[in-house]
Amino acid sequence: MEKHNINDLISKAKSSNQQKAVQKIVPVIIKEIEEVQFSFYIEKELLKKLKLKALQEDTSMKQLVNDAIKDSFK
């Protein structure tokens, strides 16, 4: 492998047209409902069923849990 002059390498790097990263600006999402984080333990089989139901209904596990809790208060 031949040796390169450092100035030649710097010039080569400067001359190449590399794309510069541009930061994407995304607006802040304002939530209509105030939420708090809550964690608890759940039976392993119930969690599997919850994940499967969320997948089948094309929704989130969070939404299923919130709906179930709301329904329990009716």
C-alpha atoms as a PDB file:
ATOM      1  CA  MET A   1       0.000   0.000   0.000  1.00  0.00           C
ATOM      2  CA  GLU A   2       1.433   3.339  -1.010  1.00  0.00           C
ATOM      3  CA  LYS A   3       1.764   6.243   1.363  1.00  0.00           C
ATOM      4  CA  HIS A   4      -0.474   9.261   0.794  1.00  0.00           C
ATOM      5  CA  ASN A   5       0.375  12.825   1.549  1.00  0.00           C
ATOM      6  CA  ILE A   6      -1.890  14.017   4.372  1.00  0.00           C
ATOM      7  CA  ASN A   7      -2.704  17.227   2.487  1.00  0.00           C
ATOM      8  CA  ASP A   8      -3.866  15.179  -0.521  1.00  0.00           C
ATOM      9  CA  LEU A   9      -6.193  13.164   1.729  1.00  0.00           C
ATOM     10  CA  ILE A  10      -7.606  16.330   3.324  1.00  0.00           C
ATOM     11  CA  SER A  11      -8.188  17.904  -0.087  1.00  0.00           C
ATOM     12  CA  LYS A  12      -9.903  14.749  -1.303  1.00  0.00           C
ATOM     13  CA  ALA A  13     -12.178  14.689   1.738  1.00  0.00           C
ATOM     14  CA  LYS A  14     -13.089  18.374   1.314  1.00  0.00           C
ATOM     15  CA  SER A  15     -13.841  17.988  -2.376  1.00  0.00           C
ATOM     16  CA  SER A  16     -16.244  15.072  -1.952  1.00  0.00           C
ATOM     17  CA  ASN A  17     -19.889  16.156  -1.854  1.00  0.00           C
ATOM     18  CA  GLN A  18     -21.142  14.487   1.302  1.00  0.00           C
ATOM     19  CA  GLN A  19     -24.716  15.013   2.453  1.00  0.00           C
ATOM     20  CA  LYS A  20     -24.948  16.872   5.725  1.00  0.00           C
ATOM     21  CA  ALA A  21     -27.475  15.719   8.297  1.00  0.00           C
ATOM     22  CA  VAL A  22     -30.451  18.038   8.628  1.00  0.00           C
ATOM     23  CA  GLN A  23     -32.405  18.026  11.847  1.00  0.00           C
ATOM     24  CA  LYS A  24     -36.114  17.402  11.381  1.00  0.00           C
ATOM     25  CA  ILE A  25     -38.416  19.624  13.399  1.00  0.00           C
ATOM     26  CA  VAL A  26     -41.547  17.903  14.692  1.00  0.00           C
ATOM     27  CA  PRO A  27     -44.306  19.736  16.553  1.00  0.00           C
ATOM     28  CA  VAL A  28     -45.041  18.788  20.137  1.00  0.00           C
ATOM     29  CA  ILE A  29     -48.126  16.627  20.492  1.00  0.00           C
ATOM     30  CA  ILE A  30     -50.621  18.080  22.938  1.00  0.00           C
ATOM     31  CA  LYS A  31     -52.528  15.369  24.779  1.00  0.00           C
ATOM     32  CA  GLU A  32     -56.208  15.965  25.341  1.00  0.00           C
ATOM     33  CA  ILE A  33     -56.360  13.653  28.352  1.00  0.00           C
ATOM     34  CA  GLU A  34     -53.980  14.004  31.280  1.00  0.00           C
ATOM     35  CA  GLU A  35     -52.144  10.719  31.873  1.00  0.00           C
ATOM     36  CA  VAL A  36     -49.987   9.346  34.656  1.00  0.00           C
ATOM     37  CA  GLN A  37     -47.681   6.370  34.578  1.00  0.00           C
ATOM     38  CA  PHE A  38     -48.825   3.322  36.533  1.00  0.00           C
ATOM     39  CA  SER A  39     -47.232  -0.088  36.690  1.00  0.00           C
ATOM     40  CA  PHE A  40     -48.383  -3.380  38.140  1.00  0.00           C
ATOM     41  CA  TYR A  41     -47.831  -7.116  37.870  1.00  0.00           C
ATOM     42  CA  ILE A  42     -50.037  -9.210  35.615  1.00  0.00           C
ATOM     43  CA  GLU A  43     -50.259 -12.970  35.106  1.00  0.00           C
ATOM     44  CA  LYS A  44     -48.054 -14.135  32.261  1.00  0.00           C
ATOM     45  CA  GLU A  45     -50.912 -15.837  30.382  1.00  0.00           C
ATOM     46  CA  LEU A  46     -53.118 -12.732  30.686  1.00  0.00           C
ATOM     47  CA  LEU A  47     -50.337 -10.631  29.204  1.00  0.00           C
ATOM     48  CA  LYS A  48     -50.000 -13.025  26.259  1.00  0.00           C
ATOM     49  CA  LYS A  49     -53.757 -12.857  25.663  1.00  0.00           C
ATOM     50  CA  LEU A  50     -53.711  -9.059  25.931  1.00  0.00           C
ATOM     51  CA  LYS A  51     -50.905  -8.786  23.373  1.00  0.00           C
ATOM     52  CA  LEU A  52     -52.691 -11.142  20.999  1.00  0.00           C
ATOM     53  CA  LYS A  53     -55.999  -9.256  21.325  1.00  0.00           C
ATOM     54  CA  ALA A  54     -54.260  -5.926  20.690  1.00  0.00           C
ATOM     55  CA  LEU A  55     -52.655  -7.356  17.576  1.00  0.00           C
ATOM     56  CA  GLN A  56     -55.925  -8.833  16.317  1.00  0.00           C
ATOM     57  CA  GLU A  57     -57.854  -5.597  16.903  1.00  0.00           C
ATOM     58  CA  ASP A  58     -55.026  -3.415  15.561  1.00  0.00           C
ATOM     59  CA  THR A  59     -54.927  -1.327  18.713  1.00  0.00           C
ATOM     60  CA  SER A  60     -52.566  -0.829  21.637  1.00  0.00           C
ATOM     61  CA  MET A  61     -52.468  -2.783  24.873  1.00  0.00           C
ATOM     62  CA  LYS A  62     -52.789   0.542  26.679  1.00  0.00           C
ATOM     63  CA  GLN A  63     -56.064   1.285  24.900  1.00  0.00           C
ATOM     64  CA  LEU A  64     -57.455  -2.164  25.708  1.00  0.00           C
ATOM     65  CA  VAL A  65     -56.586  -1.789  29.396  1.00  0.00           C
ATOM     66  CA  ASN A  66     -58.047   1.735  29.565  1.00  0.00           C
ATOM     67  CA  ASP A  67     -61.253   0.572  27.865  1.00  0.00           C
ATOM     68  CA  ALA A  68     -61.578  -2.396  30.222  1.00  0.00           C
ATOM     69  CA  ILE A  69     -61.145  -0.172  33.277  1.00  0.00           C
ATOM     70  CA  LYS A  70     -63.708   2.343  31.956  1.00  0.00           C
ATOM     71  CA  ASP A  71     -66.168  -0.484  31.280  1.00  0.00           C
ATOM     72  CA  SER A  72     -65.762  -1.768  34.845  1.00  0.00           C
ATOM     73  CA  PHE A  73     -67.014   1.573  36.201  1.00  0.00           C
ATOM     74  CA  LYS A  74     -70.229   1.571  34.139  1.00  0.00           C
END
